[in-house]
Protein backbone atom coordinates (compact mmCIF):
# COMPACT_ATOMS: atom_id res chain seq x y z
CA UNK A 1 121.57 10.67 64.11
CA UNK A 2 120.79 12.77 67.14
CA UNK A 3 118.48 15.77 67.01
CA UNK A 4 121.33 18.17 67.82
CA UNK A 5 123.41 16.80 64.93
CA UNK A 6 120.50 17.19 62.51
CA UNK A 7 119.99 20.84 63.62
CA UNK A 8 123.68 21.64 63.03
CA UNK A 9 123.48 20.17 59.52
CA UNK A 10 120.37 22.21 58.66
CA UNK A 11 121.99 25.45 59.87
CA UNK A 12 125.13 24.75 57.83
CA UNK A 13 123.10 24.16 54.66
CA UNK A 14 121.18 27.40 55.20
CA UNK A 15 124.44 29.29 55.62
CA UNK A 16 125.86 27.90 52.36
CA UNK A 17 122.65 28.76 50.55
CA UNK A 18 122.70 32.34 51.84
CA UNK A 19 126.38 32.72 50.98
CA UNK A 20 126.02 31.55 47.41
CA UNK A 21 122.83 33.55 46.81
CA UNK A 22 124.46 36.83 48.03
CA UNK A 23 127.56 36.20 45.99
CA UNK A 24 125.35 35.60 42.98
CA UNK A 25 123.40 38.87 43.70
CA UNK A 26 126.59 40.88 44.12
CA UNK A 27 128.11 39.59 40.93
CA UNK A 28 124.84 40.17 39.03
CA UNK A 29 124.43 43.89 40.19
CA UNK A 30 124.61 46.46 37.41
CA UNK A 31 127.25 49.18 37.62
CA UNK A 32 124.66 51.95 38.17
CA UNK A 33 123.26 50.07 41.17
CA UNK A 34 126.73 49.66 42.66
CA UNK A 35 127.37 53.39 42.18
CA UNK A 36 124.01 54.24 43.74
CA UNK A 37 124.53 52.07 46.84
CA UNK A 38 127.90 53.72 47.34
CA UNK A 39 126.43 57.22 46.92
CA UNK A 40 123.32 56.43 48.98
CA UNK A 41 125.50 55.35 51.90
CA UNK A 42 127.17 58.77 51.81
CA UNK A 43 123.79 60.54 51.58
CA UNK A 44 122.53 58.69 54.65
CA UNK A 45 125.51 60.20 56.48
CA UNK A 46 124.56 63.66 55.22
CA UNK A 47 127.51 63.78 52.78
CA UNK A 48 125.44 64.78 49.75
CA UNK A 49 128.12 66.92 48.12
CA UNK A 50 130.60 64.02 48.32
CA UNK A 51 128.01 61.71 46.76
CA UNK A 52 127.12 64.10 43.92
CA UNK A 53 129.64 62.81 41.30
CA UNK A 54 128.46 59.20 41.68
CA UNK A 55 124.78 60.26 41.60
CA UNK A 56 125.39 62.06 38.31
CA UNK A 57 127.19 58.99 36.91
CA UNK A 58 124.19 56.86 37.88
CA UNK A 59 121.88 59.18 35.94
CA UNK A 60 124.14 59.05 32.90
CA UNK A 61 123.78 55.26 32.91
CA UNK A 62 120.11 55.31 33.91
CA UNK A 63 118.43 58.75 33.57
CA UNK A 64 115.25 57.65 35.40
CA UNK A 65 116.96 56.05 38.41
CA UNK A 66 114.54 57.03 41.26
CA UNK A 67 117.07 56.83 44.11
CA UNK A 68 119.63 58.98 42.33
CA UNK A 69 116.96 61.50 41.30
CA UNK A 70 115.73 61.70 44.90
CA UNK A 71 119.14 62.22 46.49
CA UNK A 72 120.26 64.67 43.84
CA UNK A 73 116.98 66.58 44.33
CA UNK A 74 117.65 66.78 48.08
CA UNK A 75 121.18 68.01 47.34
CA UNK A 76 119.85 70.79 45.10
CA UNK A 77 117.43 71.87 47.83
CA UNK A 78 120.28 72.00 50.34
CA UNK A 79 122.27 74.12 47.89
CA UNK A 80 119.36 76.56 47.66
CA UNK A 81 118.36 75.63 44.11
CA UNK A 82 114.68 75.01 44.81
CA UNK A 83 113.65 75.09 41.16
CA UNK A 84 116.03 72.27 40.17
CA UNK A 85 115.35 70.35 43.37
CA UNK A 86 111.57 70.42 42.82
CA UNK A 87 112.05 69.44 39.18
CA UNK A 88 114.06 66.32 40.12
CA UNK A 89 111.69 65.26 42.91
CA UNK A 90 108.64 65.71 40.68
CA UNK A 91 109.97 63.01 38.31
CA UNK A 92 109.68 60.19 40.87
CA UNK A 93 106.29 60.84 42.50
CA UNK A 94 104.90 57.54 41.15
CA UNK A 95 107.82 55.44 42.35
CA UNK A 96 106.63 53.16 45.18
CA UNK A 97 109.85 53.50 47.22
CA UNK A 98 110.96 57.10 46.72
CA UNK A 99 107.67 58.70 45.58
CA UNK A 100 106.18 59.17 49.10
CA UNK A 101 109.42 60.71 50.38
CA UNK A 102 109.62 63.03 47.36
CA UNK A 103 105.99 64.05 47.84
CA UNK A 104 106.64 64.85 51.51
CA UNK A 105 109.61 67.02 50.54
CA UNK A 106 107.58 68.90 47.93
CA UNK A 107 104.78 69.54 50.44
CA UNK A 108 107.29 70.90 52.95
CA UNK A 109 108.79 73.14 50.27
CA UNK A 110 105.34 74.44 49.36
CA UNK A 111 104.52 75.19 53.00
CA UNK A 112 107.91 76.87 53.47
CA UNK A 113 107.49 78.99 50.34
CA UNK A 114 104.00 80.08 51.37
CA UNK A 115 105.29 80.94 54.84
CA UNK A 116 108.16 82.95 53.37
CA UNK A 117 105.75 84.78 51.09
CA UNK A 118 103.53 85.55 54.08
CA UNK A 119 106.56 86.74 56.06
CA UNK A 120 107.48 89.04 53.18
CA UNK A 121 103.91 90.35 53.12
CA UNK A 122 104.03 90.90 56.89
CA UNK A 123 107.33 92.76 56.60
CA UNK A 124 105.97 94.87 53.74
CA UNK A 125 102.99 95.84 55.89
CA UNK A 126 105.30 96.63 58.81
CA UNK A 127 107.61 98.72 56.62
CA UNK A 128 104.62 100.72 55.36
CA UNK A 129 103.34 101.00 58.97
CA UNK A 130 100.10 99.16 58.18
CA UNK A 131 100.23 97.47 61.58
CA UNK A 132 96.67 96.13 61.62
CA UNK A 133 97.16 94.35 58.30
CA UNK A 134 100.54 93.01 59.44
CA UNK A 135 98.97 91.60 62.61
CA UNK A 136 96.20 89.94 60.61
CA UNK A 137 98.80 88.21 58.40
CA UNK A 138 100.79 87.17 61.49
CA UNK A 139 97.75 85.47 62.98
CA UNK A 140 97.12 83.54 59.74
CA UNK A 141 100.74 82.43 59.53
CA UNK A 142 100.91 81.41 63.20
CA UNK A 143 97.85 79.20 62.82
CA UNK A 144 100.07 76.79 60.81
CA UNK A 145 103.51 77.66 62.20
CA UNK A 146 103.12 78.10 65.93
CA UNK A 147 106.77 77.34 66.74
CA UNK A 148 108.24 79.99 64.41
CA UNK A 149 109.97 82.45 66.77
CA UNK A 150 110.48 85.09 64.07
CA UNK A 151 106.73 85.15 63.45
CA UNK A 152 106.06 85.68 67.15
CA UNK A 153 108.60 88.50 67.14
CA UNK A 154 106.83 90.17 64.22
CA UNK A 155 103.49 89.59 65.94
CA UNK A 156 104.69 91.34 69.11
CA UNK A 157 105.82 94.40 67.15
CA UNK A 158 102.70 94.53 64.96
CA UNK A 159 100.30 94.04 67.88
CA UNK A 160 102.13 96.57 70.03
CA UNK A 161 102.10 99.25 67.35
CA UNK A 162 98.47 98.46 66.47
CA UNK A 163 97.44 98.95 70.10
CA UNK A 164 96.51 95.28 70.58
CA UNK A 165 98.17 94.94 73.99
CA UNK A 166 96.52 91.65 75.09
CA UNK A 167 97.62 89.85 71.92
CA UNK A 168 101.09 91.40 72.16
CA UNK A 169 101.48 90.04 75.70
CA UNK A 170 100.21 86.60 74.65
CA UNK A 171 102.69 86.63 71.74
CA UNK A 172 105.46 87.50 74.17
CA UNK A 173 104.59 84.40 76.21
CA UNK A 174 104.91 82.28 73.07
CA UNK A 175 108.21 83.93 72.13
CA UNK A 176 109.67 82.98 75.51
CA UNK A 177 108.59 79.40 74.84
CA UNK A 178 110.05 79.07 71.35
CA UNK A 179 112.94 81.56 71.25
CA UNK A 180 116.49 80.34 71.71
CA UNK A 181 117.74 83.86 72.46
CA UNK A 182 117.27 85.36 75.96
CA UNK A 183 118.36 88.74 74.57
CA UNK A 184 115.55 88.60 72.00
CA UNK A 185 112.99 88.10 74.78
CA UNK A 186 114.54 90.90 76.84
CA UNK A 187 114.23 93.32 73.91
CA UNK A 188 110.59 92.35 73.39
CA UNK A 189 109.87 92.91 77.09
CA UNK A 190 111.42 96.39 77.01
CA UNK A 191 109.42 97.27 73.90
CA UNK A 192 106.11 96.20 75.45
CA UNK A 193 106.90 97.93 78.75
CA UNK A 194 107.71 101.14 76.88
CA UNK A 195 104.39 101.06 75.03
CA UNK A 196 102.35 100.25 78.13
CA UNK A 197 103.86 103.12 80.14
CA UNK A 198 103.82 105.68 77.32
CA UNK A 199 100.80 107.54 78.70
CA UNK A 200 101.06 106.77 82.42
CA UNK A 201 104.81 107.35 82.85
CA UNK A 202 106.30 108.93 79.70
CA UNK A 203 109.74 109.36 81.28
CA UNK A 204 109.98 105.64 82.03
CA UNK A 205 108.62 104.80 78.58
CA UNK A 206 111.23 107.00 76.91
CA UNK A 207 113.96 105.34 78.96
CA UNK A 208 112.74 101.91 77.81
CA UNK A 209 112.54 102.99 74.16
CA UNK A 210 116.06 104.42 74.28
CA UNK A 211 117.42 101.17 75.73
CA UNK A 212 116.25 99.13 72.71
CA UNK A 213 119.01 97.69 70.51
CA UNK A 214 117.23 95.26 68.17
CA UNK A 215 116.73 96.92 64.74
CA UNK A 216 113.44 95.04 64.36
CA UNK A 217 112.09 97.26 67.15
CA UNK A 218 114.12 100.39 66.41
CA UNK A 219 112.12 101.11 63.26
CA UNK A 220 111.39 104.49 61.71
CA UNK A 221 108.00 104.48 63.44
CA UNK A 222 109.52 103.83 66.88
CA UNK A 223 112.24 106.43 66.30
CA UNK A 224 109.50 108.95 65.52
CA UNK A 225 107.75 108.02 68.78
CA UNK A 226 111.01 108.63 70.64
CA UNK A 227 111.44 112.04 69.01
CA UNK A 228 107.80 112.95 69.64
CA UNK A 229 108.08 111.98 73.31
CA UNK A 230 111.23 114.05 73.74
CA UNK A 231 109.37 116.98 72.21
CA UNK A 232 106.35 116.49 74.49
CA UNK A 233 108.60 116.19 77.55
CA UNK A 234 110.40 119.36 76.45
CA UNK A 235 113.75 117.57 76.36
CA UNK A 236 115.00 119.96 73.69
CA UNK A 237 118.71 119.41 74.22
CA UNK A 238 118.32 115.62 74.25
CA UNK A 239 116.15 115.76 71.14
CA UNK A 240 118.66 117.92 69.31
CA UNK A 241 121.46 115.46 70.15
CA UNK A 242 119.26 112.53 69.12
CA UNK A 243 118.43 114.14 65.77
CA UNK A 244 122.08 114.88 65.04
CA UNK A 245 122.88 111.22 65.81
CA UNK A 246 120.02 110.14 63.54
CA UNK A 247 121.50 112.16 60.66
CA UNK A 248 124.62 109.93 60.82
CA UNK A 249 122.68 106.67 60.83
CA UNK A 250 123.07 104.57 57.67
CA UNK A 251 119.99 104.89 55.49
CA UNK A 252 118.61 107.88 57.40
CA UNK A 253 116.36 110.37 55.60
CA UNK A 254 118.66 113.32 56.26
CA UNK A 255 116.33 115.82 54.60
CA UNK A 256 113.41 114.82 56.82
CA UNK A 257 115.58 114.88 59.95
CA UNK A 258 116.89 118.33 59.03
CA UNK A 259 113.31 119.56 58.76
CA UNK A 260 112.67 118.14 62.24
CA UNK A 261 115.71 119.99 63.55
CA UNK A 262 114.48 123.23 62.03
CA UNK A 263 111.00 122.59 63.44
CA UNK A 264 112.55 122.00 66.88
CA UNK A 265 114.50 125.26 66.73
CA UNK A 266 111.33 127.01 65.57
CA UNK A 267 109.22 125.58 68.42
CA UNK A 268 111.91 126.66 70.90
CA UNK A 269 111.95 130.18 69.49
CA UNK A 270 115.53 129.71 68.27
CA UNK A 271 114.70 131.27 64.92
CA UNK A 272 118.19 132.52 64.10
CA UNK A 273 119.68 129.10 64.88
CA UNK A 274 117.17 127.53 62.48
CA UNK A 275 118.03 130.12 59.83
CA UNK A 276 121.77 129.53 60.27
CA UNK A 277 121.21 125.77 59.97
CA UNK A 278 119.22 126.10 56.74
CA UNK A 279 121.66 128.61 55.26
CA UNK A 280 124.63 126.34 56.04
CA UNK A 281 124.03 124.43 52.81
CA UNK A 282 122.38 125.28 49.47
CA UNK A 283 118.65 125.88 49.87
CA UNK A 284 117.48 124.24 46.68
CA UNK A 285 114.00 123.01 47.55
CA UNK A 286 110.67 124.81 47.74
CA UNK A 287 110.07 123.36 51.22
CA UNK A 288 113.30 124.81 52.61
CA UNK A 289 112.62 128.18 50.99
CA UNK A 290 109.20 128.17 52.65
CA UNK A 291 110.87 127.36 55.96
CA UNK A 292 113.29 130.26 55.48
CA UNK A 293 110.55 132.69 54.52
CA UNK A 294 108.59 131.83 57.67
CA UNK A 295 111.69 131.89 59.89
CA UNK A 296 112.76 135.32 58.66
CA UNK A 297 109.32 136.61 59.66
CA UNK A 298 109.37 134.89 63.05
CA UNK A 299 112.84 136.32 63.70
CA UNK A 300 111.45 139.82 63.14
CA UNK A 301 112.79 140.20 59.61
CA UNK A 302 109.44 139.86 57.86
CA UNK A 303 110.53 142.04 54.97
CA UNK A 304 113.31 139.61 54.05
CA UNK A 305 110.94 136.65 54.25
CA UNK A 306 108.33 138.39 52.12
CA UNK A 307 110.99 139.35 49.57
CA UNK A 308 112.12 135.71 49.34
CA UNK A 309 108.53 134.63 48.65
CA UNK A 310 108.17 137.23 45.89
CA UNK A 311 111.45 136.09 44.31
CA UNK A 312 110.17 132.50 44.15
CA UNK A 313 106.85 133.74 42.72
CA UNK A 314 108.69 135.35 39.79
CA UNK A 315 109.50 131.86 38.53
CA UNK A 316 106.16 130.35 39.54
CA UNK A 317 103.60 133.15 39.98
CA UNK A 318 100.65 130.88 40.77
CA UNK A 319 102.21 128.73 43.51
CA UNK A 320 99.76 129.17 46.40
CA UNK A 321 102.33 128.22 49.04
CA UNK A 322 104.43 131.34 48.47
CA UNK A 323 101.40 133.62 48.23
CA UNK A 324 100.40 132.22 51.64
CA UNK A 325 103.96 132.75 52.95
CA UNK A 326 103.91 136.39 51.82
CA UNK A 327 100.53 137.03 53.49
CA UNK A 328 101.65 135.32 56.70
CA UNK A 329 104.75 137.54 56.79
CA UNK A 330 102.60 140.64 56.27
CA UNK A 331 100.21 139.68 59.10
CA UNK A 332 103.10 138.82 61.44
CA UNK A 333 104.72 142.19 60.74
CA UNK A 334 101.46 144.08 61.34
CA UNK A 335 100.80 142.21 64.59
CA UNK A 336 104.36 142.77 65.82
CA UNK A 337 104.38 146.54 65.30
CA UNK A 338 100.66 147.03 65.98
CA UNK A 339 99.97 148.81 62.69
CA UNK A 340 100.05 148.33 58.92
CA UNK A 341 103.69 148.20 57.71
CA UNK A 342 104.61 151.38 55.83
CA UNK A 343 107.07 150.00 53.35
CA UNK A 344 107.59 149.04 49.73
CA UNK A 345 108.89 145.90 48.07
CA UNK A 346 112.03 145.52 45.96
CA UNK A 347 110.27 147.13 42.99
CA UNK A 348 109.01 150.07 45.02
CA UNK A 349 105.44 148.75 45.20
CA UNK A 350 103.47 149.65 48.30
CA UNK A 351 102.96 146.64 50.61
CA UNK A 352 99.36 147.63 51.32
CA UNK A 353 98.64 147.50 47.60
CA UNK A 354 100.22 144.05 47.34
CA UNK A 355 98.19 142.84 50.34
CA UNK A 356 94.95 143.74 48.58
CA UNK A 357 96.21 142.09 45.39
CA UNK A 358 96.82 138.91 47.37
CA UNK A 359 93.26 138.97 48.73
CA UNK A 360 91.98 139.53 45.20
CA UNK A 361 94.02 136.57 43.89
CA UNK A 362 92.46 134.33 46.54
CA UNK A 363 88.93 135.49 45.77
CA UNK A 364 89.47 134.99 42.04
CA UNK A 365 91.17 131.62 42.62
CA UNK A 366 94.22 132.47 40.54
CA UNK A 367 96.53 130.06 42.37
CA UNK A 368 97.40 126.40 42.01
CA UNK A 369 97.88 123.97 44.87
CA UNK A 370 95.13 125.66 46.84
CA UNK A 371 93.20 123.59 49.37
CA UNK A 372 91.42 126.19 51.47
CA UNK A 373 94.32 127.34 53.62
CA UNK A 374 94.84 130.43 51.44
CA UNK A 375 91.28 131.60 52.25
CA UNK A 376 92.00 131.63 55.99
CA UNK A 377 95.36 133.35 55.45
CA UNK A 378 93.65 136.02 53.34
CA UNK A 379 91.02 136.29 56.10
CA UNK A 380 93.86 137.09 58.53
CA UNK A 381 95.07 139.84 56.17
CA UNK A 382 91.56 141.33 56.03
CA UNK A 383 91.43 141.26 59.85
CA UNK A 384 94.67 143.24 60.34
CA UNK A 385 93.57 145.64 57.59
CA UNK A 386 90.25 145.99 59.44
CA UNK A 387 88.52 145.70 56.08
CA UNK A 388 85.03 144.50 57.04
CA UNK A 389 83.89 144.13 53.44
CA UNK A 390 86.79 141.87 52.42
CA UNK A 391 86.50 140.08 55.76
CA UNK A 392 82.81 139.27 55.29
CA UNK A 393 83.37 138.02 51.74
CA UNK A 394 86.25 135.78 52.82
CA UNK A 395 84.39 134.61 55.95
CA UNK A 396 81.43 133.52 53.82
CA UNK A 397 83.78 131.76 51.41
CA UNK A 398 85.68 130.01 54.20
CA UNK A 399 82.60 128.53 55.89
CA UNK A 400 81.18 127.41 52.55
CA UNK A 401 84.10 125.03 52.12
CA UNK A 402 84.73 121.77 53.98
CA UNK A 403 87.37 122.21 56.65
CA UNK A 404 90.48 120.14 55.97
CA UNK A 405 92.73 119.02 58.82
CA UNK A 406 95.80 120.08 56.84
CA UNK A 407 94.96 123.76 57.36
CA UNK A 408 93.23 123.50 60.73
CA UNK A 409 96.18 125.25 62.43
CA UNK A 410 95.81 128.25 60.12
CA UNK A 411 92.07 128.31 60.89
CA UNK A 412 92.69 128.41 64.64
CA UNK A 413 95.29 131.17 64.24
CA UNK A 414 92.76 133.15 62.20
CA UNK A 415 90.16 132.69 64.96
CA UNK A 416 92.59 133.92 67.63
CA UNK A 417 93.45 137.02 65.59
CA UNK A 418 89.78 137.69 64.84
CA UNK A 419 89.02 137.68 68.57
CA UNK A 420 91.95 140.01 69.25
CA UNK A 421 91.11 142.52 66.49
CA UNK A 422 87.41 143.09 67.13
CA UNK A 423 85.85 140.17 65.26
CA UNK A 424 85.20 138.05 68.38
CA UNK A 425 81.58 136.97 67.60
CA UNK A 426 82.69 135.78 64.16
CA UNK A 427 85.60 133.96 65.79
CA UNK A 428 83.17 132.01 68.00
CA UNK A 429 81.00 131.26 64.97
CA UNK A 430 84.00 129.97 63.01
CA UNK A 431 85.16 127.79 65.92
CA UNK A 432 81.69 126.28 66.32
CA UNK A 433 81.69 125.52 62.59
CA UNK A 434 85.09 123.84 62.91
CA UNK A 435 84.04 121.82 65.98
CA UNK A 436 80.97 120.52 64.15
CA UNK A 437 83.34 118.93 61.61
CA UNK A 438 85.97 117.77 64.11
CA UNK A 439 83.99 117.15 67.32
CA UNK A 440 86.85 115.26 69.02
CA UNK A 441 89.55 117.82 68.27
CA UNK A 442 90.95 119.10 71.58
CA UNK A 443 92.60 122.22 70.13
CA UNK A 444 89.28 123.47 68.76
CA UNK A 445 87.54 122.60 72.03
CA UNK A 446 90.15 124.48 74.07
CA UNK A 447 90.03 127.63 71.95
CA UNK A 448 86.23 127.65 71.83
CA UNK A 449 86.09 127.09 75.61
CA UNK A 450 88.28 130.17 76.12
CA UNK A 451 85.92 132.13 73.89
CA UNK A 452 82.89 130.93 75.84
CA UNK A 453 84.66 131.79 79.10
CA UNK A 454 85.31 135.35 77.89
CA UNK A 455 81.62 135.61 76.93
CA UNK A 456 80.62 134.35 80.40
CA UNK A 457 79.11 131.20 78.87
CA UNK A 458 80.62 129.27 81.75
CA UNK A 459 78.64 126.03 81.62
CA UNK A 460 79.35 125.58 77.92
CA UNK A 461 83.02 126.37 78.53
CA UNK A 462 83.20 123.87 81.40
CA UNK A 463 81.86 120.99 79.28
CA UNK A 464 84.58 121.57 76.68
CA UNK A 465 87.33 122.10 79.25
CA UNK A 466 86.54 118.84 81.04
CA UNK A 467 87.19 117.01 77.76
CA UNK A 468 90.39 118.98 77.13
CA UNK A 469 92.00 118.41 80.56
CA UNK A 470 91.02 114.74 80.39
CA UNK A 471 92.42 114.24 76.89
CA UNK A 472 95.52 116.43 77.39
CA UNK A 473 96.44 116.25 81.08
CA UNK A 474 99.79 117.91 80.31
CA UNK A 475 98.02 121.08 79.08
CA UNK A 476 98.58 123.32 82.09
CA UNK A 477 97.01 126.46 80.61
CA UNK A 478 93.75 124.66 79.83
CA UNK A 479 93.72 123.29 83.38
CA UNK A 480 94.06 126.82 84.79
CA UNK A 481 91.08 127.98 82.73
CA UNK A 482 89.18 124.90 83.88
CA UNK A 483 89.83 125.83 87.55
CA UNK A 484 88.82 129.45 86.91
CA UNK A 485 85.62 128.22 85.29
CA UNK A 486 84.76 125.96 88.24
CA UNK A 487 85.46 128.81 90.66
CA UNK A 488 83.30 131.25 88.71
CA UNK A 489 80.45 128.73 88.76
CA UNK A 490 80.73 128.51 92.55
CA UNK A 491 82.23 124.99 92.64
CA UNK A 492 85.14 126.09 94.83
CA UNK A 493 85.52 122.86 96.80
CA UNK A 494 85.75 120.83 93.59
CA UNK A 495 88.21 123.34 92.14
CA UNK A 496 90.34 123.14 95.31
CA UNK A 497 90.44 119.32 95.20
CA UNK A 498 91.41 119.37 91.52
CA UNK A 499 94.26 121.82 92.19
CA UNK A 500 95.60 119.77 95.13
CA UNK A 501 95.58 116.62 92.97
CA UNK A 502 97.25 118.42 90.07
CA UNK A 503 100.04 119.77 92.28
CA UNK A 504 101.05 116.20 93.10
CA UNK A 505 102.05 115.59 89.47
CA UNK A 506 105.85 115.58 89.04
CA UNK A 507 105.84 117.00 85.50
CA UNK A 508 104.68 120.62 85.89
CA UNK A 509 106.41 123.73 84.61
CA UNK A 510 107.47 126.31 87.18
CA UNK A 511 104.96 128.80 85.77
CA UNK A 512 102.00 126.41 85.98
CA UNK A 513 102.99 125.23 89.47
CA UNK A 514 103.19 128.83 90.70
CA UNK A 515 99.84 129.67 89.11
CA UNK A 516 98.24 126.65 90.76
CA UNK A 517 99.71 127.59 94.15
CA UNK A 518 98.28 131.10 93.74
CA UNK A 519 94.84 129.73 92.90
CA UNK A 520 94.97 127.29 95.81
CA UNK A 521 95.79 130.10 98.23
CA UNK A 522 92.95 132.17 96.82
CA UNK A 523 90.50 129.26 97.08
CA UNK A 524 91.58 128.48 100.65
CA UNK A 525 91.17 132.11 101.67
CA UNK A 526 87.82 132.35 99.93
CA UNK A 527 86.51 129.20 101.60
CA UNK A 528 87.72 130.30 105.06
CA UNK A 529 86.04 133.65 104.54
CA UNK A 530 82.85 131.94 103.44
CA UNK A 531 82.87 129.68 106.51
CA UNK A 532 83.42 132.69 108.79
CA UNK A 533 80.45 134.45 107.24
CA UNK A 534 78.31 131.36 107.77
CA UNK A 535 79.30 131.23 111.46
CA UNK A 536 78.56 134.95 111.91
CA UNK A 537 75.16 134.63 110.26
CA UNK A 538 74.27 131.63 112.44
CA UNK A 539 74.86 133.76 115.56
């Protein structure tokens, strides 16, 4: 027999052997195995839901079938039932075939759950505006999940709001790499550009902020920035329109926005408009009643505002806020007419008598909710009354307390009125005391510098004014005082250069621009005159 014939015979025998062995295997398979192979084939095609009935039948016949447990566990995970999915996969960890795959799935679930928890923590920090903490969590999460575009998006926002510009820009580079949405990247770019130009070009920054559409960037914090920038840029009409649009936004804090509207009208001197707005619906909160009391006074109807405060005090006679409101109305009235108001309240009591009772209440600490502000308001009352005894007692009390930033504005108002009504040295003393506690505060520095300037303490005034014009370049009045101070100290050339540079700024009010032009003309004339005198003397 030839070699070729022998090879054909061997191959035929092998084929018969394989055929009979497979037939024997197929006929010997148990029903649960047949069901599993059918279901497993569907699972390999991703048709888990279609395979589910057979997988359940397998487990009825054999509850510990590893393949059925694995595939059913995967199905539960796909259906979002992580608890059941993890439970099924945990049963087969020791199985040599399906155990490693189940373990891998459980590890991935654990990583995913931890990432989701971290994302929730990040979002919670962002919602509470704890941007530094949010950024720290982002960095930890990104160390293990570098390709997660949502994390990079959160990182950009957190870093931007936390002032971490370099990291924000680096995160933007990563977002471009991993994001599948060009629009998402465009929004991030606008957000970062808005932040970076906020100080150098506020108009451009505002334009960028207003062009944002992604709600992940248009947060409450960013909306406040927009409103604050409009206020700083004196875009009153635009801000009013923006606030009215904000009131209609789903989930908006209408009460807070209404207070912003009233504050806007107040800052613009539109007191009656603010009053009409508040009176357009029931005024049922203490805050709104306080607003109304103040607005009545600012509108020149102090008596009505003071009466409102006294009405509220009938129900709560020790609420410091309304005692303060009454005293503020009294001082405003006295300052407006230039004398002590000669009037009585609704019960016929003399206002002067009530004013002294208010001072006495402050000195005897008969109010609740006091934090120090009431002392400075009472000090203002003593100033307009020209009562040196009450003034000295209150002045001593005020400087014995720690100054709180919440009533710093009232303190500065008191200082201004003290200077105006013959208590100027004490005003300087009080401002120096305030500056010692808030050495970086530009409002205190500016007011104290003006006081020093009036006292001819020019060098001390100049030091403070340099800090003010550097920290608040938009403060035109402080800049004018700064120029006057330089001129008075004989630094006319420096003053002239500063004025020329300032006049190049596009955002200047007409008043400030005219004042600067006047000073420039005066400086030019003075320097020409000085040069002429030098030439004459040389001859």
